[in-house]
């Protein structure tokens, strides 16, 4: 079951978020789930339900709350995305992830039991969240722009060992870019895991997209669950 909450953000805005949880759990872990460039759709709510079934309090915040409410765009409509994605900056992400983290820690989740996962734009958000918050886990799917200096500079600040999942046939992210991200974390002495599904395309985890790759989606989900288990979250 999904519930809708409204979170105050410290820049004076308010952010809609969607929550899935099993209310009878004691000391549950929490997970922030961040959407891609097309907004919070039923797929991301389903991901939250899947995490809730694993025992997490799962929250899916709307990163586009400064440019609209409950923004959903058709997959592939990159032009339609730009008015929204262009307003998502490092500063707005910092404010938004702190708001979601605060909500989790005020709703039954211990500060040392919060994780984060995200996809594309949300993968970038996951990397940033892991740099500014004391996360216990982070899984980033096909995260764009992390090879840029503003992001590689945050490699030394990464808290949890991060799992980064990539698509080998990705037309949006160059192999050299993902290697640059990995190299930055290695140079910073950070623990990280880089997984490439060589026969998958960008967006392969989403079963509502043409790029859906069932085998890669299942394997990446299993790897994520095992990672969270080793981190003591499930």
Protein backbone atom coordinates (compact mmCIF):
# COMPACT_ATOMS: atom_id res chain seq x y z
CA UNK A 1 0.00 0.00 0.00
CA UNK A 2 1.30 3.44 -0.96
CA UNK A 3 0.68 6.54 1.13
CA UNK A 4 1.34 10.11 0.04
CA UNK A 5 3.20 12.52 2.32
CA UNK A 6 4.26 16.15 2.00
CA UNK A 7 7.78 16.98 3.12
CA UNK A 8 9.03 20.46 4.03
CA UNK A 9 12.35 21.26 2.33
CA UNK A 10 14.78 23.70 3.91
CA UNK A 11 14.76 26.00 0.86
CA UNK A 12 11.13 26.83 1.61
CA UNK A 13 9.57 24.45 -0.91
CA UNK A 14 7.43 21.40 -0.19
CA UNK A 15 7.93 17.99 -1.78
CA UNK A 16 5.38 15.26 -2.39
CA UNK A 17 6.71 11.78 -1.66
CA UNK A 18 5.24 8.30 -1.78
CA UNK A 19 5.81 5.81 1.03
CA UNK A 20 5.47 2.04 1.31
CA UNK A 21 6.06 0.22 4.60
CA UNK A 22 5.05 -2.62 6.86
CA UNK A 23 4.02 -0.78 10.00
CA UNK A 24 4.47 -3.75 12.38
CA UNK A 25 8.23 -4.01 11.89
CA UNK A 26 10.54 -3.04 14.75
CA UNK A 27 13.69 -1.03 13.96
CA UNK A 28 13.14 -1.21 10.19
CA UNK A 29 15.71 -0.03 7.68
CA UNK A 30 14.78 2.85 5.41
CA UNK A 31 15.48 3.44 1.74
CA UNK A 32 15.17 6.54 -0.39
CA UNK A 33 14.28 5.69 -4.00
CA UNK A 34 14.99 8.30 -6.66
CA UNK A 35 13.31 8.40 -10.04
CA UNK A 36 14.69 8.96 -13.52
CA UNK A 37 14.11 11.89 -15.88
CA UNK A 38 10.49 10.92 -16.48
CA UNK A 39 9.22 11.50 -12.95
CA UNK A 40 7.54 9.34 -10.33
CA UNK A 41 5.33 6.86 -12.15
CA UNK A 42 3.74 3.55 -11.17
CA UNK A 43 7.01 1.72 -11.76
CA UNK A 44 8.79 3.62 -8.99
CA UNK A 45 5.88 3.12 -6.64
CA UNK A 46 6.11 -0.60 -7.41
CA UNK A 47 9.83 -0.52 -6.60
CA UNK A 48 8.92 1.01 -3.24
CA UNK A 49 6.43 -1.79 -2.59
CA UNK A 50 9.13 -4.35 -3.43
CA UNK A 51 11.47 -2.77 -0.93
CA UNK A 52 8.74 -2.66 1.69
CA UNK A 53 8.27 -6.41 1.20
CA UNK A 54 11.93 -6.78 2.16
CA UNK A 55 11.30 -4.91 5.41
CA UNK A 56 12.24 -1.37 4.41
CA UNK A 57 10.35 1.83 4.98
CA UNK A 58 10.61 3.03 1.37
CA UNK A 59 10.14 6.64 0.30
CA UNK A 60 10.01 7.95 -3.29
CA UNK A 61 10.38 11.76 -3.31
CA UNK A 62 9.45 13.93 -6.30
CA UNK A 63 12.60 15.70 -7.49
CA UNK A 64 10.57 17.88 -9.87
CA UNK A 65 8.47 19.53 -7.18
CA UNK A 66 9.88 22.97 -8.04
CA UNK A 67 8.52 22.79 -11.60
CA UNK A 68 5.31 20.85 -11.10
CA UNK A 69 3.38 18.40 -8.97
CA UNK A 70 3.21 14.68 -9.74
CA UNK A 71 5.09 15.21 -12.99
CA UNK A 72 5.05 12.13 -15.25
CA UNK A 73 6.42 12.14 -18.76
CA UNK A 74 6.34 9.45 -21.46
CA UNK A 75 9.46 7.31 -21.63
CA UNK A 76 11.76 8.73 -24.27
CA UNK A 77 10.35 12.28 -24.15
CA UNK A 78 13.69 13.92 -23.40
CA UNK A 79 12.57 17.33 -24.68
CA UNK A 80 9.62 17.25 -22.29
CA UNK A 81 11.94 16.34 -19.45
CA UNK A 82 14.35 19.24 -19.87
CA UNK A 83 12.25 21.98 -18.21
CA UNK A 84 12.21 19.79 -15.11
CA UNK A 85 15.66 18.18 -15.13
CA UNK A 86 17.33 21.53 -15.81
CA UNK A 87 16.10 22.78 -12.44
CA UNK A 88 17.56 19.81 -10.56
CA UNK A 89 20.98 20.96 -9.32
CA UNK A 90 23.48 19.80 -6.74
CA UNK A 91 22.00 22.35 -4.32
CA UNK A 92 18.38 21.26 -4.85
CA UNK A 93 19.37 17.61 -4.56
CA UNK A 94 21.15 18.30 -1.27
CA UNK A 95 18.02 19.95 0.11
CA UNK A 96 15.71 17.21 -1.14
CA UNK A 97 17.72 14.23 0.13
CA UNK A 98 18.04 15.84 3.55
CA UNK A 99 14.27 16.29 3.68
CA UNK A 100 13.65 12.63 2.79
CA UNK A 101 16.32 11.44 5.24
CA UNK A 102 14.78 13.54 8.00
CA UNK A 103 11.32 12.12 7.29
CA UNK A 104 12.63 8.55 7.54
CA UNK A 105 14.47 9.20 10.80
CA UNK A 106 11.37 10.85 12.26
CA UNK A 107 9.21 7.87 11.27
CA UNK A 108 10.80 4.88 12.93
CA UNK A 109 14.08 4.48 11.03
CA UNK A 110 17.36 4.76 12.92
CA UNK A 111 19.86 7.24 11.47
CA UNK A 112 22.37 4.44 10.86
CA UNK A 113 19.86 2.28 8.91
CA UNK A 114 19.09 4.48 5.92
CA UNK A 115 20.00 3.44 2.37
CA UNK A 116 19.44 4.94 -1.04
CA UNK A 117 18.90 3.68 -4.57
CA UNK A 118 18.16 5.51 -7.80
CA UNK A 119 17.98 5.21 -11.56
CA UNK A 120 19.61 7.48 -14.18
CA UNK A 121 18.99 10.95 -12.70
CA UNK A 122 18.16 9.12 -9.48
CA UNK A 123 21.46 7.26 -9.69
CA UNK A 124 23.24 10.60 -9.64
CA UNK A 125 21.10 11.64 -6.68
CA UNK A 126 22.10 8.42 -4.90
CA UNK A 127 25.80 9.20 -5.35
CA UNK A 128 25.26 12.73 -4.02
CA UNK A 129 23.16 11.50 -1.10
CA UNK A 130 25.92 9.06 -0.16
CA UNK A 131 28.36 11.97 -0.08
CA UNK A 132 26.31 14.25 2.17
CA UNK A 133 24.51 11.78 4.45
CA UNK A 134 25.81 8.95 6.68
CA UNK A 135 24.10 6.28 4.62
CA UNK A 136 24.34 2.58 5.38
CA UNK A 137 23.96 1.55 1.74
CA UNK A 138 23.78 2.97 -1.77
CA UNK A 139 22.92 1.37 -5.12
CA UNK A 140 23.05 3.58 -8.22
CA UNK A 141 21.74 2.42 -11.60
CA UNK A 142 23.17 3.96 -14.80
CA UNK A 143 23.97 7.26 -13.12
CA UNK A 144 24.75 10.06 -15.55
CA UNK A 145 27.23 12.94 -15.32
CA UNK A 146 29.30 11.47 -12.49
CA UNK A 147 32.49 11.71 -14.57
CA UNK A 148 32.24 15.51 -14.42
CA UNK A 149 34.60 17.29 -12.00
CA UNK A 150 31.80 18.52 -9.72
CA UNK A 151 30.93 14.88 -9.02
CA UNK A 152 34.33 13.17 -9.07
CA UNK A 153 35.33 15.73 -6.42
CA UNK A 154 32.78 14.07 -4.14
CA UNK A 155 34.36 10.62 -4.40
CA UNK A 156 36.36 11.08 -1.14
CA UNK A 157 33.13 11.99 0.67
CA UNK A 158 31.28 8.74 -0.12
CA UNK A 159 30.05 7.12 3.10
CA UNK A 160 28.67 3.63 2.42
CA UNK A 161 30.38 1.23 0.02
CA UNK A 162 28.50 2.00 -3.18
CA UNK A 163 27.23 -0.43 -5.80
CA UNK A 164 27.06 1.04 -9.28
CA UNK A 165 25.11 -0.82 -11.95
CA UNK A 166 25.58 -0.02 -15.62
CA UNK A 167 24.20 -1.05 -19.02
CA UNK A 168 26.80 -2.14 -21.54
CA UNK A 169 24.65 -1.02 -24.49
CA UNK A 170 23.86 2.36 -22.92
CA UNK A 171 23.52 5.02 -25.64
CA UNK A 172 23.45 7.84 -23.09
CA UNK A 173 26.52 6.98 -20.98
CA UNK A 174 29.91 6.27 -22.50
CA UNK A 175 32.00 3.40 -21.16
CA UNK A 176 34.85 5.88 -20.58
CA UNK A 177 32.58 7.96 -18.36
CA UNK A 178 31.65 5.09 -16.08
CA UNK A 179 35.32 4.10 -15.88
CA UNK A 180 36.19 7.66 -14.86
CA UNK A 181 33.66 7.42 -12.03
CA UNK A 182 35.15 4.14 -10.83
CA UNK A 183 38.70 5.48 -11.12
CA UNK A 184 37.82 8.51 -9.00
CA UNK A 185 36.52 6.31 -6.19
CA UNK A 186 39.51 3.99 -6.39
CA UNK A 187 41.85 6.98 -6.22
CA UNK A 188 39.93 8.18 -3.15
CA UNK A 189 40.37 4.79 -1.47
CA UNK A 190 36.63 4.14 -1.36
CA UNK A 191 35.01 0.71 -1.46
CA UNK A 192 32.86 0.40 -4.55
CA UNK A 193 31.43 -2.32 -6.77
CA UNK A 194 30.98 -1.77 -10.50
CA UNK A 195 28.59 -4.11 -12.33
CA UNK A 196 28.05 -3.96 -16.10
CA UNK A 197 25.32 -5.92 -17.84
CA UNK A 198 26.94 -6.07 -21.26
CA UNK A 199 23.79 -6.93 -23.23
CA UNK A 200 21.43 -4.47 -21.52
CA UNK A 201 20.38 -0.95 -22.48
CA UNK A 202 19.82 2.16 -20.39
CA UNK A 203 16.62 1.76 -18.36
CA UNK A 204 16.78 -2.03 -18.35
CA UNK A 205 15.39 -2.36 -14.81
CA UNK A 206 12.01 -0.85 -15.67
CA UNK A 207 9.49 -3.42 -16.87
CA UNK A 208 7.35 -0.66 -18.41
CA UNK A 209 10.05 0.36 -20.89
CA UNK A 210 10.96 -1.12 -24.25
CA UNK A 211 14.52 -1.44 -22.92
CA UNK A 212 13.43 -3.80 -20.14
CA UNK A 213 15.86 -6.70 -19.82
CA UNK A 214 14.26 -9.33 -17.56
CA UNK A 215 17.46 -11.27 -16.80
CA UNK A 216 19.50 -8.17 -15.99
CA UNK A 217 16.65 -6.76 -13.89
CA UNK A 218 16.34 -9.97 -11.86
CA UNK A 219 20.07 -10.35 -11.37
CA UNK A 220 20.59 -6.73 -10.37
CA UNK A 221 17.73 -6.97 -7.87
CA UNK A 222 19.26 -10.12 -6.37
CA UNK A 223 22.66 -8.43 -6.16
CA UNK A 224 21.12 -5.40 -4.49
CA UNK A 225 19.36 -7.57 -1.91
CA UNK A 226 22.56 -9.43 -1.12
CA UNK A 227 24.44 -6.14 -0.78
CA UNK A 228 21.85 -4.80 1.67
CA UNK A 229 22.12 -8.06 3.58
CA UNK A 230 25.90 -7.69 3.90
CA UNK A 231 25.31 -4.12 5.10
CA UNK A 232 23.10 -5.47 7.89
CA UNK A 233 19.93 -3.84 6.60
CA UNK A 234 17.89 -6.98 5.80
